[in-house]
PDB file of N, CA and C in Angstrom:
ATOM      1  N   MET A   1      17.963  53.224  80.322  1.00  0.00           N
ATOM      2  CA  MET A   1      16.672  52.650  81.252  1.00  0.00           C
ATOM      3  C   MET A   1      15.360  53.324  81.703  1.00  0.00           C
ATOM      4  N   ARG A   2      14.421  52.767  81.523  1.00  0.00           N
ATOM      5  CA  ARG A   2      13.395  53.501  81.130  1.00  0.00           C
ATOM      6  C   ARG A   2      12.506  53.793  82.322  1.00  0.00           C
ATOM      7  N   ALA A   3      11.574  54.507  83.189  1.00  0.00           N
ATOM      8  CA  ALA A   3      11.200  54.229  84.290  1.00  0.00           C
ATOM      9  C   ALA A   3      10.066  53.747  84.347  1.00  0.00           C
ATOM     10  N   LYS A   4       9.826  52.777  85.187  1.00  0.00           N
ATOM     11  CA  LYS A   4       8.731  51.844  85.561  1.00  0.00           C
ATOM     12  C   LYS A   4       7.356  52.643  85.644  1.00  0.00           C
ATOM     13  N   GLU A   5       6.326  52.136  84.816  1.00  0.00           N
ATOM     14  CA  GLU A   5       5.086  52.677  84.790  1.00  0.00           C
ATOM     15  C   GLU A   5       4.255  52.598  85.887  1.00  0.00           C
ATOM     16  N   PRO A   6       3.430  53.602  86.437  1.00  0.00           N
ATOM     17  CA  PRO A   6       2.721  53.597  87.880  1.00  0.00           C
ATOM     18  C   PRO A   6       1.574  52.215  87.556  1.00  0.00           C
ATOM     19  N   GLY A   7       1.200  52.250  86.791  1.00  0.00           N
ATOM     20  CA  GLY A   7       0.035  51.122  86.623  1.00  0.00           C
ATOM     21  C   GLY A   7       0.470  50.066  86.756  1.00  0.00           C
ATOM     22  N   GLN A   8      -0.505  49.059  86.963  1.00  0.00           N
ATOM     23  CA  GLN A   8       0.214  47.484  87.237  1.00  0.00           C
ATOM     24  C   GLN A   8      -1.027  46.492  86.323  1.00  0.00           C
ATOM     25  N   GLN A   9      -0.356  45.767  85.343  1.00  0.00           N
ATOM     26  CA  GLN A   9      -1.030  44.759  84.830  1.00  0.00           C
ATOM     27  C   GLN A   9      -0.975  43.563  85.282  1.00  0.00           C
ATOM     28  N   HIS A  10      -2.402  42.848  84.828  1.00  0.00           N
ATOM     29  CA  HIS A  10      -2.674  41.557  85.577  1.00  0.00           C
ATOM     30  C   HIS A  10      -2.891  40.859  84.283  1.00  0.00           C
ATOM     31  N   PRO A  11      -2.271  39.736  84.145  1.00  0.00           N
ATOM     32  CA  PRO A  11      -2.949  38.850  83.042  1.00  0.00           C
ATOM     33  C   PRO A  11      -4.391  38.708  82.751  1.00  0.00           C
ATOM     34  N   ILE A  12      -4.582  38.520  81.760  1.00  0.00           N
ATOM     35  CA  ILE A  12      -6.245  38.244  81.741  1.00  0.00           C
ATOM     36  C   ILE A  12      -6.600  36.891  81.952  1.00  0.00           C
ATOM     37  N   ARG A  13      -5.650  36.195  81.809  1.00  0.00           N
ATOM     38  CA  ARG A  13      -5.845  34.873  82.210  1.00  0.00           C
ATOM     39  C   ARG A  13      -6.820  34.695  83.586  1.00  0.00           C
ATOM     40  N   ILE A  14      -5.990  35.388  84.730  1.00  0.00           N
ATOM     41  CA  ILE A  14      -6.841  35.492  86.011  1.00  0.00           C
ATOM     42  C   ILE A  14      -8.539  35.765  86.082  1.00  0.00           C
ATOM     43  N   TYR A  15      -8.557  36.904  85.083  1.00  0.00           N
ATOM     44  CA  TYR A  15     -10.246  37.335  84.955  1.00  0.00           C
ATOM     45  C   TYR A  15     -10.839  36.210  84.357  1.00  0.00           C
ATOM     46  N   LEU A  16     -10.558  35.623  83.175  1.00  0.00           N
ATOM     47  CA  LEU A  16     -10.955  34.419  82.542  1.00  0.00           C
ATOM     48  C   LEU A  16     -11.411  33.386  83.406  1.00  0.00           C
ATOM     49  N   VAL A  17     -10.252  32.959  84.456  1.00  0.00           N
ATOM     50  CA  VAL A  17     -10.712  31.696  85.212  1.00  0.00           C
ATOM     51  C   VAL A  17     -11.331  32.240  86.145  1.00  0.00           C
ATOM     52  N   VAL A  18     -11.568  33.551  86.878  1.00  0.00           N
ATOM     53  CA  VAL A  18     -12.504  33.833  87.741  1.00  0.00           C
ATOM     54  C   VAL A  18     -13.803  33.945  87.406  1.00  0.00           C
ATOM     55  N   TRP A  19     -13.759  34.402  86.032  1.00  0.00           N
ATOM     56  CA  TRP A  19     -15.366  34.467  85.485  1.00  0.00           C
ATOM     57  C   TRP A  19     -15.775  33.133  85.143  1.00  0.00           C
ATOM     58  N   GLY A  20     -14.992  32.066  84.734  1.00  0.00           N
ATOM     59  CA  GLY A  20     -15.369  30.613  84.898  1.00  0.00           C
ATOM     60  C   GLY A  20     -15.698  30.262  86.243  1.00  0.00           C
ATOM     61  N   LEU A  21     -15.031  30.574  87.196  1.00  0.00           N
ATOM     62  CA  LEU A  21     -15.735  29.940  88.392  1.00  0.00           C
ATOM     63  C   LEU A  21     -16.748  30.318  89.159  1.00  0.00           C
ATOM     64  N   LEU A  22     -16.882  31.963  88.567  1.00  0.00           N
ATOM     65  CA  LEU A  22     -18.049  32.425  88.907  1.00  0.00           C
ATOM     66  C   LEU A  22     -19.490  32.196  88.165  1.00  0.00           C
ATOM     67  N   PHE A  23     -19.263  31.510  87.229  1.00  0.00           N
ATOM     68  CA  PHE A  23     -20.164  30.643  86.422  1.00  0.00           C
ATOM     69  C   PHE A  23     -20.503  29.349  86.894  1.00  0.00           C
ATOM     70  N   LEU A  24     -19.685  28.813  87.591  1.00  0.00           N
ATOM     71  CA  LEU A  24     -19.848  27.321  88.088  1.00  0.00           C
ATOM     72  C   LEU A  24     -20.403  27.366  89.368  1.00  0.00           C
ATOM     73  N   VAL A  25     -20.092  28.232  90.229  1.00  0.00           N
ATOM     74  CA  VAL A  25     -20.664  28.679  91.369  1.00  0.00           C
ATOM     75  C   VAL A  25     -22.046  28.906  91.224  1.00  0.00           C
ATOM     76  N   SER A  26     -22.193  30.027  90.375  1.00  0.00           N
ATOM     77  CA  SER A  26     -23.702  30.235  90.187  1.00  0.00           C
ATOM     78  C   SER A  26     -24.686  29.285  89.880  1.00  0.00           C
ATOM     79  N   ALA A  27     -24.017  28.140  88.930  1.00  0.00           N
ATOM     80  CA  ALA A  27     -24.859  27.056  88.462  1.00  0.00           C
ATOM     81  C   ALA A  27     -24.882  26.041  89.814  1.00  0.00           C
ATOM     82  N   PHE A  28     -24.055  25.998  90.425  1.00  0.00           N
ATOM     83  CA  PHE A  28     -24.319  25.285  91.913  1.00  0.00           C
ATOM     84  C   PHE A  28     -25.644  26.074  92.767  1.00  0.00           C
ATOM     85  N   SER A  29     -25.145  27.265  92.938  1.00  0.00           N
ATOM     86  CA  SER A  29     -26.489  28.189  93.508  1.00  0.00           C
ATOM     87  C   SER A  29     -27.740  28.009  92.900  1.00  0.00           C
ATOM     88  N   TYR A  30     -27.824  27.715  91.818  1.00  0.00           N
ATOM     89  CA  TYR A  30     -29.428  27.573  91.111  1.00  0.00           C
ATOM     90  C   TYR A  30     -29.600  25.882  91.335  1.00  0.00           C
ATOM     91  N   SER A  31     -28.606  25.190  91.100  1.00  0.00           N
ATOM     92  CA  SER A  31     -29.047  24.001  91.298  1.00  0.00           C
ATOM     93  C   SER A  31     -29.732  23.432  92.794  1.00  0.00           C
ATOM     94  N   THR A  32     -29.187  24.571  93.609  1.00  0.00           N
ATOM     95  CA  THR A  32     -30.090  24.306  95.238  1.00  0.00           C
ATOM     96  C   THR A  32     -31.191  24.622  95.309  1.00  0.00           C
ATOM     97  N   ASP A  33     -32.141  24.607  93.868  1.00  0.00           N
ATOM     98  CA  ASP A  33     -33.493  25.120  93.968  1.00  0.00           C
ATOM     99  C   ASP A  33     -34.066  23.557  93.851  1.00  0.00           C
ATOM    100  N   PHE A  34     -33.603  22.584  93.442  1.00  0.00           N
ATOM    101  CA  PHE A  34     -33.895  21.094  93.621  1.00  0.00           C
ATOM    102  C   PHE A  34     -33.820  20.214  95.080  1.00  0.00           C
ATOM    103  N   ILE A  35     -32.801  21.012  95.719  1.00  0.00           N
ATOM    104  CA  ILE A  35     -32.918  20.471  97.441  1.00  0.00           C
ATOM    105  C   ILE A  35     -34.446  20.835  98.127  1.00  0.00           C
ATOM    106  N   ASP A  36     -34.751  20.225  98.802  1.00  0.00           N
ATOM    107  CA  ASP A  36     -36.031  20.420  99.625  1.00  0.00           C
ATOM    108  C   ASP A  36     -35.891  21.341 100.550  1.00  0.00           C
ATOM    109  N   ARG A  37     -36.387  22.349 100.894  1.00  0.00           N
ATOM    110  CA  ARG A  37     -36.687  23.225 101.875  1.00  0.00           C
ATOM    111  C   ARG A  37     -36.002  22.916 103.257  1.00  0.00           C
ATOM    112  N   GLY A  38     -34.794  23.713 103.537  1.00  0.00           N
ATOM    113  CA  GLY A  38     -34.319  23.364 104.909  1.00  0.00           C
ATOM    114  C   GLY A  38     -33.191  23.945 105.237  1.00  0.00           C
ATOM    115  N   PHE A  39     -32.469  23.524 106.259  1.00  0.00           N
ATOM    116  CA  PHE A  39     -31.024  23.756 106.866  1.00  0.00           C
ATOM    117  C   PHE A  39     -30.072  23.896 105.493  1.00  0.00           C
ATOM    118  N   TRP A  40     -29.922  22.400 105.103  1.00  0.00           N
ATOM    119  CA  TRP A  40     -28.637  22.593 103.952  1.00  0.00           C
ATOM    120  C   TRP A  40     -28.987  23.350 102.962  1.00  0.00           C
ATOM    121  N   ARG A  41     -30.507  23.444 102.193  1.00  0.00           N
ATOM    122  CA  ARG A  41     -30.252  24.596 101.029  1.00  0.00           C
ATOM    123  C   ARG A  41     -29.897  25.642 101.303  1.00  0.00           C
ATOM    124  N   TRP A  42     -30.215  26.451 102.331  1.00  0.00           N
ATOM    125  CA  TRP A  42     -29.878  27.729 102.755  1.00  0.00           C
ATOM    126  C   TRP A  42     -28.834  28.090 102.815  1.00  0.00           C
ATOM    127  N   ALA A  43     -28.079  26.926 103.718  1.00  0.00           N
ATOM    128  CA  ALA A  43     -26.754  26.985 104.278  1.00  0.00           C
ATOM    129  C   ALA A  43     -25.854  26.912 102.664  1.00  0.00           C
ATOM    130  N   LEU A  44     -26.316  26.424 101.840  1.00  0.00           N
ATOM    131  CA  LEU A  44     -25.480  26.170 100.373  1.00  0.00           C
ATOM    132  C   LEU A  44     -25.595  27.262  99.690  1.00  0.00           C
ATOM    133  N   ILE A  45     -26.958  27.744  99.415  1.00  0.00           N
ATOM    134  CA  ILE A  45     -27.029  29.325  98.968  1.00  0.00           C
ATOM    135  C   ILE A  45     -26.433  30.369  99.476  1.00  0.00           C
ATOM    136  N   LEU A  46     -26.094  30.359 101.023  1.00  0.00           N
ATOM    137  CA  LEU A  46     -25.194  31.474 101.536  1.00  0.00           C
ATOM    138  C   LEU A  46     -23.655  31.283 101.456  1.00  0.00           C
ATOM    139  N   LEU A  47     -23.467  29.968 101.441  1.00  0.00           N
ATOM    140  CA  LEU A  47     -22.011  29.575 101.008  1.00  0.00           C
ATOM    141  C   LEU A  47     -21.817  29.833  99.969  1.00  0.00           C
ATOM    142  N   PHE A  48     -22.385  29.620  98.605  1.00  0.00           N
ATOM    143  CA  PHE A  48     -22.403  30.267  97.113  1.00  0.00           C
ATOM    144  C   PHE A  48     -22.179  31.788  96.929  1.00  0.00           C
ATOM    145  N   MET A  49     -23.086  32.398  97.795  1.00  0.00           N
ATOM    146  CA  MET A  49     -23.307  33.806  97.759  1.00  0.00           C
ATOM    147  C   MET A  49     -21.791  34.081  98.225  1.00  0.00           C
ATOM    148  N   VAL A  50     -20.867  33.853  99.412  1.00  0.00           N
ATOM    149  CA  VAL A  50     -20.355  34.449  99.975  1.00  0.00           C
ATOM    150  C   VAL A  50     -18.883  34.073  98.921  1.00  0.00           C
ATOM    151  N   LEU A  51     -18.850  33.181  98.415  1.00  0.00           N
ATOM    152  CA  LEU A  51     -18.070  32.758  97.498  1.00  0.00           C
ATOM    153  C   LEU A  51     -17.743  33.498  96.226  1.00  0.00           C
ATOM    154  N   LYS A  52     -18.673  33.880  95.929  1.00  0.00           N
ATOM    155  CA  LYS A  52     -18.842  34.587  94.674  1.00  0.00           C
ATOM    156  C   LYS A  52     -18.673  36.132  94.939  1.00  0.00           C
ATOM    157  N   ALA A  53     -19.075  36.778  95.886  1.00  0.00           N
ATOM    158  CA  ALA A  53     -18.884  37.912  96.605  1.00  0.00           C
ATOM    159  C   ALA A  53     -17.471  37.955  96.679  1.00  0.00           C
ATOM    160  N   GLY A  54     -16.760  36.886  97.067  1.00  0.00           N
ATOM    161  CA  GLY A  54     -14.973  37.018  97.452  1.00  0.00           C
ATOM    162  C   GLY A  54     -14.502  36.888  96.515  1.00  0.00           C
ATOM    163  N   PHE A  55     -14.830  36.247  95.216  1.00  0.00           N
ATOM    164  CA  PHE A  55     -14.012  36.247  94.118  1.00  0.00           C
ATOM    165  C   PHE A  55     -14.508  37.704  93.509  1.00  0.00           C
ATOM    166  N   ILE A  56     -15.313  38.031  93.912  1.00  0.00           N
ATOM    167  CA  ILE A  56     -15.581  39.756  92.665  1.00  0.00           C
ATOM    168  C   ILE A  56     -14.647  40.659  93.654  1.00  0.00           C
ATOM    169  N   VAL A  57     -14.572  40.325  94.899  1.00  0.00           N
ATOM    170  CA  VAL A  57     -13.685  41.590  95.433  1.00  0.00           C
ATOM    171  C   VAL A  57     -12.503  41.410  95.256  1.00  0.00           C
ATOM    172  N   ALA A  58     -11.936  40.039  95.258  1.00  0.00           N
ATOM    173  CA  ALA A  58     -10.539  39.620  95.314  1.00  0.00           C
ATOM    174  C   ALA A  58      -9.984  40.316  93.746  1.00  0.00           C
ATOM    175  N   VAL A  59     -10.738  39.593  92.861  1.00  0.00           N
ATOM    176  CA  VAL A  59     -10.103  40.091  91.920  1.00  0.00           C
ATOM    177  C   VAL A  59     -10.731  41.347  90.986  1.00  0.00           C
ATOM    178  N   PHE A  60     -11.971  41.214  90.911  1.00  0.00           N
ATOM    179  CA  PHE A  60     -12.224  42.088  89.816  1.00  0.00           C
ATOM    180  C   PHE A  60     -12.236  43.671  90.757  1.00  0.00           C
ATOM    181  N   MET A  61     -12.279  43.475  92.178  1.00  0.00           N
ATOM    182  CA  MET A  61     -12.097  45.204  92.848  1.00  0.00           C
ATOM    183  C   MET A  61     -10.678  45.053  93.318  1.00  0.00           C
ATOM    184  N   HIS A  62      -9.568  44.185  92.838  1.00  0.00           N
ATOM    185  CA  HIS A  62      -8.136  44.156  92.863  1.00  0.00           C
ATOM    186  C   HIS A  62      -7.869  44.110  94.286  1.00  0.00           C
ATOM    187  N   MET A  63      -8.598  43.620  95.070  1.00  0.00           N
ATOM    188  CA  MET A  63      -8.218  43.652  96.541  1.00  0.00           C
ATOM    189  C   MET A  63      -7.355  42.586  96.870  1.00  0.00           C
ATOM    190  N   ARG A  64      -7.201  41.625  96.346  1.00  0.00           N
ATOM    191  CA  ARG A  64      -6.060  40.773  96.133  1.00  0.00           C
ATOM    192  C   ARG A  64      -4.569  41.378  96.073  1.00  0.00           C
ATOM    193  N   TRP A  65      -4.518  42.457  95.301  1.00  0.00           N
ATOM    194  CA  TRP A  65      -3.190  42.909  95.266  1.00  0.00           C
ATOM    195  C   TRP A  65      -2.873  44.065  96.332  1.00  0.00           C
ATOM    196  N   GLU A  66      -3.856  44.092  97.317  1.00  0.00           N
ATOM    197  CA  GLU A  66      -3.908  45.457  98.202  1.00  0.00           C
ATOM    198  C   GLU A  66      -2.794  45.116  99.177  1.00  0.00           C
ATOM    199  N   ARG A  67      -2.702  45.965 100.006  1.00  0.00           N
ATOM    200  CA  ARG A  67      -1.880  45.962 101.189  1.00  0.00           C
ATOM    201  C   ARG A  67      -2.964  45.032 102.401  1.00  0.00           C
ATOM    202  N   PHE A  68      -2.475  44.646 103.617  1.00  0.00           N
ATOM    203  CA  PHE A  68      -2.842  43.825 104.459  1.00  0.00           C
ATOM    204  C   PHE A  68      -3.696  44.748 105.173  1.00  0.00           C
ATOM    205  N   ALA A  69      -3.203  46.010 105.272  1.00  0.00           N
ATOM    206  CA  ALA A  69      -3.825  46.921 106.160  1.00  0.00           C
ATOM    207  C   ALA A  69      -5.358  47.340 105.592  1.00  0.00           C
ATOM    208  N   LEU A  70      -5.205  47.462 104.055  1.00  0.00           N
ATOM    209  CA  LEU A  70      -6.068  47.855 103.666  1.00  0.00           C
ATOM    210  C   LEU A  70      -7.420  46.644 103.461  1.00  0.00           C
ATOM    211  N   ILE A  71      -6.896  45.496 103.338  1.00  0.00           N
ATOM    212  CA  ILE A  71      -7.340  44.423 103.342  1.00  0.00           C
ATOM    213  C   ILE A  71      -8.330  44.260 104.715  1.00  0.00           C
ATOM    214  N   SER A  72      -7.550  44.309 105.708  1.00  0.00           N
ATOM    215  CA  SER A  72      -8.453  44.501 107.228  1.00  0.00           C
ATOM    216  C   SER A  72      -9.566  45.427 107.429  1.00  0.00           C
ATOM    217  N   VAL A  73      -9.052  46.624 106.731  1.00  0.00           N
ATOM    218  CA  VAL A  73      -9.999  47.680 106.770  1.00  0.00           C
ATOM    219  C   VAL A  73     -11.395  47.066 106.332  1.00  0.00           C
ATOM    220  N   VAL A  74     -11.376  46.693 105.079  1.00  0.00           N
ATOM    221  CA  VAL A  74     -12.676  46.132 104.373  1.00  0.00           C
ATOM    222  C   VAL A  74     -13.409  44.993 104.648  1.00  0.00           C
ATOM    223  N   LEU A  75     -12.555  44.114 105.226  1.00  0.00           N
ATOM    224  CA  LEU A  75     -13.086  42.755 105.364  1.00  0.00           C
ATOM    225  C   LEU A  75     -13.381  42.263 107.201  1.00  0.00           C
ATOM    226  N   VAL A  76     -12.537  43.161 107.850  1.00  0.00           N
ATOM    227  CA  VAL A  76     -13.095  42.904 109.302  1.00  0.00           C
ATOM    228  C   VAL A  76     -14.528  43.328 109.705  1.00  0.00           C
ATOM    229  N   PRO A  77     -14.853  44.722 109.403  1.00  0.00           N
ATOM    230  CA  PRO A  77     -16.038  44.938 110.241  1.00  0.00           C
ATOM    231  C   PRO A  77     -17.174  43.810 109.254  1.00  0.00           C
ATOM    232  N   PRO A  78     -17.323  43.439 108.279  1.00  0.00           N
ATOM    233  CA  PRO A  78     -18.254  42.679 107.770  1.00  0.00           C
ATOM    234  C   PRO A  78     -18.132  41.589 108.700  1.00  0.00           C
ATOM    235  N   ALA A  79     -16.970  40.660 108.812  1.00  0.00           N
ATOM    236  CA  ALA A  79     -16.863  39.547 109.769  1.00  0.00           C
ATOM    237  C   ALA A  79     -17.268  39.848 111.081  1.00  0.00           C
ATOM    238  N   LEU A  80     -16.975  40.867 111.998  1.00  0.00           N
ATOM    239  CA  LEU A  80     -17.411  41.335 112.868  1.00  0.00           C
ATOM    240  C   LEU A  80     -19.036  41.438 112.969  1.00  0.00           C
ATOM    241  N   LEU A  81     -19.612  42.146 112.234  1.00  0.00           N
ATOM    242  CA  LEU A  81     -21.150  42.156 111.944  1.00  0.00           C
ATOM    243  C   LEU A  81     -21.984  40.665 111.807  1.00  0.00           C
ATOM    244  N   LEU A  82     -21.152  39.614 110.954  1.00  0.00           N
ATOM    245  CA  LEU A  82     -21.728  38.405 111.050  1.00  0.00           C
ATOM    246  C   LEU A  82     -21.600  37.735 112.026  1.00  0.00           C
ATOM    247  N   VAL A  83     -20.951  37.645 112.936  1.00  0.00           N
ATOM    248  CA  VAL A  83     -20.318  37.217 114.552  1.00  0.00           C
ATOM    249  C   VAL A  83     -21.507  37.802 115.313  1.00  0.00           C
ATOM    250  N   LEU A  84     -21.583  39.132 115.130  1.00  0.00           N
ATOM    251  CA  LEU A  84     -22.580  39.430 115.719  1.00  0.00           C
ATOM    252  C   LEU A  84     -24.173  39.349 116.002  1.00  0.00           C
ATOM    253  N   VAL A  85     -24.123  39.210 114.076  1.00  0.00           N
ATOM    254  CA  VAL A  85     -25.589  38.492 113.824  1.00  0.00           C
ATOM    255  C   VAL A  85     -25.877  36.862 114.423  1.00  0.00           C
ATOM    256  N   GLY A  86     -24.915  36.202 114.067  1.00  0.00           N
ATOM    257  CA  GLY A  86     -24.816  35.022 114.752  1.00  0.00           C
ATOM    258  C   GLY A  86     -25.228  34.829 116.328  1.00  0.00           C
ATOM    259  N   LEU A  87     -24.704  35.734 117.151  1.00  0.00           N
ATOM    260  CA  LEU A  87     -25.084  35.664 118.671  1.00  0.00           C
ATOM    261  C   LEU A  87     -26.154  36.051 118.569  1.00  0.00           C
ATOM    262  N   MET A  88     -27.002  37.053 117.750  1.00  0.00           N
ATOM    263  CA  MET A  88     -28.221  37.485 117.940  1.00  0.00           C
ATOM    264  C   MET A  88     -29.187  36.208 117.608  1.00  0.00           C
ATOM    265  N   ALA A  89     -29.080  35.249 116.681  1.00  0.00           N
ATOM    266  CA  ALA A  89     -29.646  34.342 116.239  1.00  0.00           C
ATOM    267  C   ALA A  89     -29.721  33.252 117.501  1.00  0.00           C
ATOM    268  N   ILE A  90     -28.776  32.936 118.170  1.00  0.00           N
ATOM    269  CA  ILE A  90     -28.686  32.185 119.261  1.00  0.00           C
ATOM    270  C   ILE A  90     -29.299  32.630 120.368  1.00  0.00           C
ATOM    271  N   GLU A  91     -29.061  33.942 120.417  1.00  0.00           N
ATOM    272  CA  GLU A  91     -30.005  34.720 121.745  1.00  0.00           C
ATOM    273  C   GLU A  91     -31.477  34.797 121.227  1.00  0.00           C
ATOM    274  N   SER A  92     -31.886  34.488 120.128  1.00  0.00           N
ATOM    275  CA  SER A  92     -33.411  34.776 119.621  1.00  0.00           C
ATOM    276  C   SER A  92     -34.161  33.614 120.240  1.00  0.00           C
ATOM    277  N   ASP A  93     -33.400  32.594 120.002  1.00  0.00           N
ATOM    278  CA  ASP A  93     -34.131  31.424 120.313  1.00  0.00           C
ATOM    279  C   ASP A  93     -34.665  31.210 121.671  1.00  0.00           C
ATOM    280  N   TYR A  94     -33.436  31.902 122.672  1.00  0.00           N
ATOM    281  CA  TYR A  94     -33.898  31.494 124.126  1.00  0.00           C
ATOM    282  C   TYR A  94     -34.836  32.682 124.447  1.00  0.00           C
ATOM    283  N   THR A  95     -35.000  33.893 123.822  1.00  0.00           N
ATOM    284  CA  THR A  95     -35.610  34.624 123.842  1.00  0.00           C
ATOM    285  C   THR A  95     -37.450  34.398 123.373  1.00  0.00           C
ATOM    286  N   ARG A  96     -37.176  33.576 122.259  1.00  0.00           N
ATOM    287  CA  ARG A  96     -38.563  32.860 121.977  1.00  0.00           C
ATOM    288  C   ARG A  96     -39.124  32.139 122.729  1.00  0.00           C
ATOM    289  N   SER A  97     -38.287  31.204 123.651  1.00  0.00           N
ATOM    290  CA  SER A  97     -38.468  30.141 124.212  1.00  0.00           C
ATOM    291  C   SER A  97     -38.935  30.501 125.647  1.00  0.00           C
ATOM    292  N   ILE A  98     -38.609  31.722 126.325  1.00  0.00           N
ATOM    293  CA  ILE A  98     -38.826  32.485 127.423  1.00  0.00           C
ATOM    294  C   ILE A  98     -40.495  33.240 127.279  1.00  0.00           C
ATOM    295  N   ARG A  99     -40.215  33.572 125.935  1.00  0.00           N
ATOM    296  CA  ARG A  99     -41.809  34.428 125.739  1.00  0.00           C
ATOM    297  C   ARG A  99     -43.059  33.124 125.633  1.00  0.00           C
ATOM    298  N   PHE A 100     -42.685  32.224 125.188  1.00  0.00           N
ATOM    299  CA  PHE A 100     -43.608  31.121 125.104  1.00  0.00           C
ATOM    300  C   PHE A 100     -43.880  30.457 126.552  1.00  0.00           C
ATOM    301  N   GLU A 101     -42.782  30.565 127.665  1.00  0.00           N
ATOM    302  CA  GLU A 101     -42.843  30.068 128.831  1.00  0.00           C
ATOM    303  C   GLU A 101     -43.862  30.963 129.682  1.00  0.00           C
ATOM    304  N   TYR A 102     -43.794  32.250 129.484  1.00  0.00           N
ATOM    305  CA  TYR A 102     -44.631  33.154 130.411  1.00  0.00           C
ATOM    306  C   TYR A 102     -45.471  33.413 129.617  1.00  0.00           C
ATOM    307  N   PHE A 103     -45.977  33.887 128.424  1.00  0.00           N
ATOM    308  CA  PHE A 103     -47.169  34.270 127.692  1.00  0.00           C
ATOM    309  C   PHE A 103     -48.171  33.351 127.159  1.00  0.00           C
ATOM    310  N   VAL A 104     -47.460  32.146 127.074  1.00  0.00           N
ATOM    311  CA  VAL A 104     -48.531  30.923 126.513  1.00  0.00           C
ATOM    312  C   VAL A 104     -48.845  30.125 127.391  1.00  0.00           C
ATOM    313  N   GLU A 105     -47.996  29.580 128.182  1.00  0.00           N
ATOM    314  CA  GLU A 105     -48.761  28.788 129.536  1.00  0.00           C
ATOM    315  C   GLU A 105     -48.945  29.473 130.520  1.00  0.00           C
ATOM    316  N   GLY A 106     -48.287  30.574 131.133  1.00  0.00           N
ATOM    317  CA  GLY A 106     -48.461  30.963 132.500  1.00  0.00           C
ATOM    318  C   GLY A 106     -49.480  32.118 132.494  1.00  0.00           C
ATOM    319  N   ALA A 107     -49.462  33.165 132.492  1.00  0.00           N
ATOM    320  CA  ALA A 107     -50.414  34.431 132.888  1.00  0.00           C
ATOM    321  C   ALA A 107     -51.449  34.522 131.484  1.00  0.00           C
ATOM    322  N   HIS A 108     -52.197  33.789 131.192  1.00  0.00           N
ATOM    323  CA  HIS A 108     -52.848  33.969 129.889  1.00  0.00           C
ATOM    324  C   HIS A 108     -54.368  34.665 130.547  1.00  0.00           C
ATOM    325  N   ASP A 109     -54.598  34.379 131.645  1.00  0.00           N
ATOM    326  CA  ASP A 109     -55.807  35.018 131.901  1.00  0.00           C
ATOM    327  C   ASP A 109     -55.515  36.520 132.176  1.00  0.00           C
ATOM    328  N   GLU A 110     -54.091  37.094 132.715  1.00  0.00           N
ATOM    329  CA  GLU A 110     -54.134  38.329 133.340  1.00  0.00           C
ATOM    330  C   GLU A 110     -53.894  39.122 131.653  1.00  0.00           C
ATOM    331  N   ALA A 111     -53.647  38.383 130.767  1.00  0.00           N
ATOM    332  CA  ALA A 111     -53.313  39.501 129.467  1.00  0.00           C
ATOM    333  C   ALA A 111     -54.611  39.730 129.115  1.00  0.00           C
ATOM    334  N   VAL A 112     -56.269  38.988 129.557  1.00  0.00           N
ATOM    335  CA  VAL A 112     -57.379  39.106 128.605  1.00  0.00           C
ATOM    336  C   VAL A 112     -57.982  40.349 129.467  1.00  0.00           C
ATOM    337  N   PRO A 113     -58.486  41.370 128.611  1.00  0.00           N
ATOM    338  CA  PRO A 113     -59.060  42.514 129.517  1.00  0.00           C
ATOM    339  C   PRO A 113     -60.608  42.048 130.333  1.00  0.00           C
ATOM    340  N   VAL A 114     -60.645  42.532 131.251  1.00  0.00           N
ATOM    341  CA  VAL A 114     -61.904  41.960 132.307  1.00  0.00           C
ATOM    342  C   VAL A 114     -63.328  41.740 131.295  1.00  0.00           C
ATOM    343  N   SER A 115     -63.271  42.780 130.462  1.00  0.00           N
ATOM    344  CA  SER A 115     -64.923  42.876 129.847  1.00  0.00           C
ATOM    345  C   SER A 115     -64.873  41.374 129.062  1.00  0.00           C
ATOM    346  N   VAL A 116     -63.829  40.712 128.460  1.00  0.00           N
ATOM    347  CA  VAL A 116     -63.579  39.460 127.714  1.00  0.00           C
ATOM    348  C   VAL A 116     -63.699  38.663 128.338  1.00  0.00           C
ATOM    349  N   ARG A 117     -63.142  38.578 129.772  1.00  0.00           N
ATOM    350  CA  ARG A 117     -63.358  37.556 130.669  1.00  0.00           C
ATOM    351  C   ARG A 117     -64.774  37.339 131.209  1.00  0.00           C
ATOM    352  N   GLU A 118     -65.595  38.321 131.391  1.00  0.00           N
ATOM    353  CA  GLU A 118     -67.049  38.392 132.186  1.00  0.00           C
ATOM    354  C   GLU A 118     -68.030  37.974 130.998  1.00  0.00           C
ATOM    355  N   LEU A 119     -67.121  37.991 129.615  1.00  0.00           N
ATOM    356  CA  LEU A 119     -68.323  37.164 128.393  1.00  0.00           C
ATOM    357  C   LEU A 119     -68.057  35.954 128.546  1.00  0.00           C
ATOM    358  N   ALA A 120     -66.956  35.464 128.546  1.00  0.00           N
ATOM    359  CA  ALA A 120     -66.388  34.150 128.697  1.00  0.00           C
ATOM    360  C   ALA A 120     -67.256  33.216 129.784  1.00  0.00           C
ATOM    361  N   ASN A 121     -67.571  33.810 130.887  1.00  0.00           N
ATOM    362  CA  ASN A 121     -68.319  32.879 131.922  1.00  0.00           C
ATOM    363  C   ASN A 121     -69.597  33.217 131.879  1.00  0.00           C
TER     364      ASN A 121
END
């Protein structure tokens, strides 16, 4: 009885299928150039980007065959960062509206230096 070799071989079919999927998703990503600029275009571009990165990490970097602990160590921090970036994006709209409320409408004369105020009169 022979000893099992330490290396693991994966069928080449998996790599060819993922290569085809990457080609297809890239074609969809490039087709977003025909969509008007706006939310849906950028949402699709980001979705296709995440799909391609996921395929590459899972198959070509062999993360699909790793232990759950290693997958968690690699994938949880970027997911957490995405959540925090989303929270900052929500917060930025509130901060921007507060700035417009106080700096544009409210105390406009207070922000102008005295010398410029005298020239205006």
